[in-house]
Amino acid sequence: MSDKNDLVTVTIKHILPTANGCAVFLGNDAKTLVIYVDHFVGGVIQMTLDGVKKDRPLTHDLIGHILLGLGARIERVVINDAKDGAFFARLHLVMENELGKKILELDARPSDTIVLALQHKLPIHVARPVFDTTEDMTEVLNRVLIQNQNAESDESESDTDDDDDDDDIEDDDDEGDDEDEA
């Protein structure tokens, strides 16, 4: 098990669609990491962040229900390793009953642990060595967000320009109406 002092707490800074899935940007004030996930899990992460209620339980909901039914709880999630651009995670579970306390540490996909952490309102942790050696993507995220903001601004300006043209037409019509009344 990881020592809590060797962990860095991160939050989800943003989720962006990519050609092959989604880029999940995780980080803190010091650094941003990016983990690529498939479209489905990216959508589930976004739905969980947005608090979307689902008609039927998804896989992550089912896992949570099973844990609850067994009297187990998620203690923490840790993104504990990175190799060749792939991240690895561990799910730490605790189960206590009349027989005692059992602690489990399970191998898991980071995307699944992120969803479970969000659903159970738990922090997301990254092992210090992984955090320290992974490339900082803060500038990349900022650049993409600025590009998206500029694109949205350009789009809304073109919509506004179209609206201004309509207003000019209406103004011309109003001027004609005034002349008719005189």
Protein backbone atom coordinates (compact mmCIF):
# COMPACT_ATOMS: atom_id res chain seq x y z
CA MET A 1 0.00 0.00 0.00
CA SER A 2 1.11 3.53 -0.73
CA ASP A 3 2.09 5.77 2.13
CA LYS A 4 -0.30 8.73 2.22
CA ASN A 5 2.69 11.10 2.32
CA ASP A 6 3.81 9.78 -1.08
CA LEU A 7 0.52 10.82 -2.70
CA VAL A 8 -0.47 14.01 -4.50
CA THR A 9 -4.14 14.96 -4.52
CA VAL A 10 -5.44 16.06 -7.91
CA THR A 11 -8.77 17.17 -9.33
CA ILE A 12 -10.23 17.00 -12.79
CA LYS A 13 -9.38 20.25 -14.51
CA HIS A 14 -11.09 19.53 -17.81
CA ILE A 15 -12.26 16.80 -20.17
CA LEU A 16 -11.82 17.26 -23.91
CA PRO A 17 -12.89 15.00 -26.77
CA THR A 18 -10.16 13.57 -28.99
CA ALA A 19 -10.26 11.59 -32.20
CA ASN A 20 -10.01 8.29 -30.29
CA GLY A 21 -11.71 9.11 -26.99
CA CYS A 22 -11.31 11.81 -24.38
CA ALA A 23 -8.40 13.56 -22.71
CA VAL A 24 -8.91 13.85 -18.96
CA PHE A 25 -6.75 16.61 -17.52
CA LEU A 26 -5.94 16.01 -13.83
CA GLY A 27 -3.84 18.18 -11.64
CA ASN A 28 -3.33 20.73 -8.94
CA ASP A 29 -1.86 24.24 -8.86
CA ALA A 30 1.62 22.86 -9.56
CA LYS A 31 1.05 20.55 -12.52
CA THR A 32 -1.46 19.01 -14.93
CA LEU A 33 -1.40 15.43 -16.21
CA VAL A 34 -3.45 14.05 -19.07
CA ILE A 35 -4.93 10.56 -19.19
CA TYR A 36 -6.58 9.36 -22.37
CA VAL A 37 -9.76 7.31 -21.98
CA ASP A 38 -12.32 5.88 -24.38
CA HIS A 39 -15.40 7.91 -25.34
CA PHE A 40 -17.73 5.91 -23.10
CA VAL A 41 -15.74 6.35 -19.89
CA GLY A 42 -15.04 9.99 -20.77
CA GLY A 43 -18.79 10.47 -21.07
CA VAL A 44 -19.40 8.72 -17.74
CA ILE A 45 -16.79 10.92 -16.04
CA GLN A 46 -18.45 14.05 -17.48
CA MET A 47 -21.94 12.84 -16.51
CA THR A 48 -20.71 12.17 -12.96
CA LEU A 49 -19.12 15.62 -12.75
CA ASP A 50 -22.35 17.17 -14.02
CA GLY A 51 -24.49 15.16 -11.56
CA VAL A 52 -26.57 13.60 -14.34
CA LYS A 53 -29.10 11.08 -13.02
CA LYS A 54 -29.25 7.87 -15.03
CA ASP A 55 -32.38 5.81 -15.65
CA ARG A 56 -30.50 2.54 -15.25
CA PRO A 57 -27.25 1.81 -13.40
CA LEU A 58 -24.08 1.82 -15.46
CA THR A 59 -21.15 -0.48 -14.66
CA HIS A 60 -19.63 1.96 -12.18
CA ASP A 61 -22.98 2.35 -10.43
CA LEU A 62 -23.26 -1.43 -10.21
CA ILE A 63 -19.79 -1.67 -8.66
CA GLY A 64 -20.81 0.89 -6.03
CA HIS A 65 -24.01 -1.03 -5.28
CA ILE A 66 -22.10 -4.30 -4.93
CA LEU A 67 -19.60 -2.72 -2.54
CA LEU A 68 -22.44 -1.28 -0.48
CA GLY A 69 -24.19 -4.65 -0.41
CA LEU A 70 -21.02 -6.36 0.80
CA GLY A 71 -20.42 -3.74 3.45
CA ALA A 72 -17.22 -2.57 1.78
CA ARG A 73 -16.18 0.99 1.07
CA ILE A 74 -13.60 2.61 -1.13
CA GLU A 75 -10.89 4.05 1.06
CA ARG A 76 -8.95 5.74 -1.75
CA VAL A 77 -7.96 5.58 -5.38
CA VAL A 78 -4.35 5.98 -6.48
CA ILE A 79 -2.90 6.40 -9.94
CA ASN A 80 0.24 4.53 -9.02
CA ASP A 81 2.28 3.96 -12.17
CA ALA A 82 2.90 5.13 -15.73
CA LYS A 83 4.71 3.23 -18.46
CA ASP A 84 4.97 4.15 -22.13
CA GLY A 85 2.12 6.67 -21.88
CA ALA A 86 -0.24 4.25 -20.10
CA PHE A 87 -1.32 4.90 -16.53
CA PHE A 88 -2.14 2.28 -13.90
CA ALA A 89 -4.18 2.60 -10.74
CA ARG A 90 -5.04 0.84 -7.50
CA LEU A 91 -8.41 0.76 -5.78
CA HIS A 92 -8.13 0.53 -1.98
CA LEU A 93 -11.14 -1.10 -0.31
CA VAL A 94 -11.96 -1.61 3.35
CA MET A 95 -14.52 -4.06 4.66
CA GLU A 96 -15.37 -4.34 8.33
CA ASN A 97 -17.80 -6.76 9.91
CA GLU A 98 -18.14 -8.99 12.98
CA LEU A 99 -15.20 -11.08 11.79
CA GLY A 100 -12.82 -8.13 11.62
CA LYS A 101 -11.38 -5.72 9.15
CA LYS A 102 -10.23 -6.66 5.67
CA ILE A 103 -8.23 -4.33 3.43
CA LEU A 104 -8.02 -5.00 -0.29
CA GLU A 105 -5.86 -3.30 -2.88
CA LEU A 106 -7.00 -4.04 -6.43
CA ASP A 107 -5.46 -3.29 -9.82
CA ALA A 108 -7.77 -1.00 -11.83
CA ARG A 109 -7.89 1.28 -14.83
CA PRO A 110 -7.36 4.91 -13.83
CA SER A 111 -10.53 5.91 -15.68
CA ASP A 112 -12.61 3.51 -13.58
CA THR A 113 -11.03 4.68 -10.34
CA ILE A 114 -11.70 8.30 -11.32
CA VAL A 115 -15.40 7.57 -11.85
CA LEU A 116 -15.63 5.67 -8.55
CA ALA A 117 -13.82 8.45 -6.67
CA LEU A 118 -16.22 11.03 -8.11
CA GLN A 119 -19.29 8.92 -7.31
CA HIS A 120 -18.14 8.35 -3.73
CA LYS A 121 -16.91 11.94 -3.31
CA LEU A 122 -13.34 10.84 -2.65
CA PRO A 123 -10.13 12.59 -3.64
CA ILE A 124 -8.10 11.31 -6.57
CA HIS A 125 -4.48 10.60 -5.69
CA VAL A 126 -1.39 10.22 -7.84
CA ALA A 127 1.73 8.54 -6.49
CA ARG A 128 4.46 11.15 -6.01
CA PRO A 129 6.95 9.44 -8.39
CA VAL A 130 4.31 9.33 -11.14
CA PHE A 131 3.33 12.95 -10.56
CA ASP A 132 6.95 14.11 -10.54
CA THR A 133 8.02 12.26 -13.69
CA THR A 134 4.97 12.82 -15.89
CA GLU A 135 5.07 15.70 -18.36
CA ASP A 136 3.29 18.86 -17.23
CA MET A 137 0.39 19.55 -19.59
CA THR A 138 -0.77 22.82 -18.00
CA GLU A 139 0.31 24.95 -20.98
CA VAL A 140 -1.29 22.55 -23.46
CA LEU A 141 -4.59 22.66 -21.56
CA ASN A 142 -4.48 26.46 -21.31
CA ARG A 143 -3.74 26.79 -25.03
CA VAL A 144 -6.62 24.48 -25.99
CA LEU A 145 -9.03 26.29 -23.66
CA ILE A 146 -8.03 29.67 -25.14
CA GLN A 147 -8.46 28.30 -28.68
CA ASN A 148 -11.90 26.95 -27.77
CA GLN A 149 -12.84 30.24 -26.12
CA ASN A 150 -11.69 32.21 -29.18
CA ALA A 151 -13.62 29.87 -31.49
CA GLU A 152 -16.76 30.31 -29.39
CA SER A 153 -16.22 34.06 -29.31
CA ASP A 154 -15.77 34.17 -33.11
CA GLU A 155 -18.89 32.06 -33.51
CA SER A 156 -20.97 34.29 -31.23
CA GLU A 157 -19.62 37.40 -33.00
CA SER A 158 -20.71 36.02 -36.36
CA ASP A 159 -24.12 35.30 -34.84
CA THR A 160 -24.19 38.85 -33.47
CA ASP A 161 -23.12 40.25 -36.85
CA ASP A 162 -26.02 38.38 -38.44
CA ASP A 163 -28.34 39.79 -35.79
CA ASP A 164 -26.99 43.31 -36.44
CA ASP A 165 -27.79 42.89 -40.12
CA ASP A 166 -31.35 41.98 -39.18
CA ASP A 167 -31.53 45.02 -36.92
CA ASP A 168 -30.33 47.23 -39.78
CA ILE A 169 -33.08 45.87 -41.95
CA GLU A 170 -35.64 46.49 -39.23
CA ASP A 171 -34.25 50.01 -38.67
CA ASP A 172 -34.60 50.74 -42.38
CA ASP A 173 -38.18 49.51 -42.26
CA ASP A 174 -38.89 51.68 -39.21
CA GLU A 175 -37.54 54.75 -41.00
CA GLY A 176 -39.83 54.08 -43.93
CA ASP A 177 -42.79 53.75 -41.57
CA ASP A 178 -42.03 57.17 -40.06
CA GLU A 179 -42.00 58.76 -43.50
CA ASP A 180 -45.34 57.18 -44.35
CA GLU A 181 -46.88 58.58 -41.19
CA ALA A 182 -45.69 62.15 -41.96
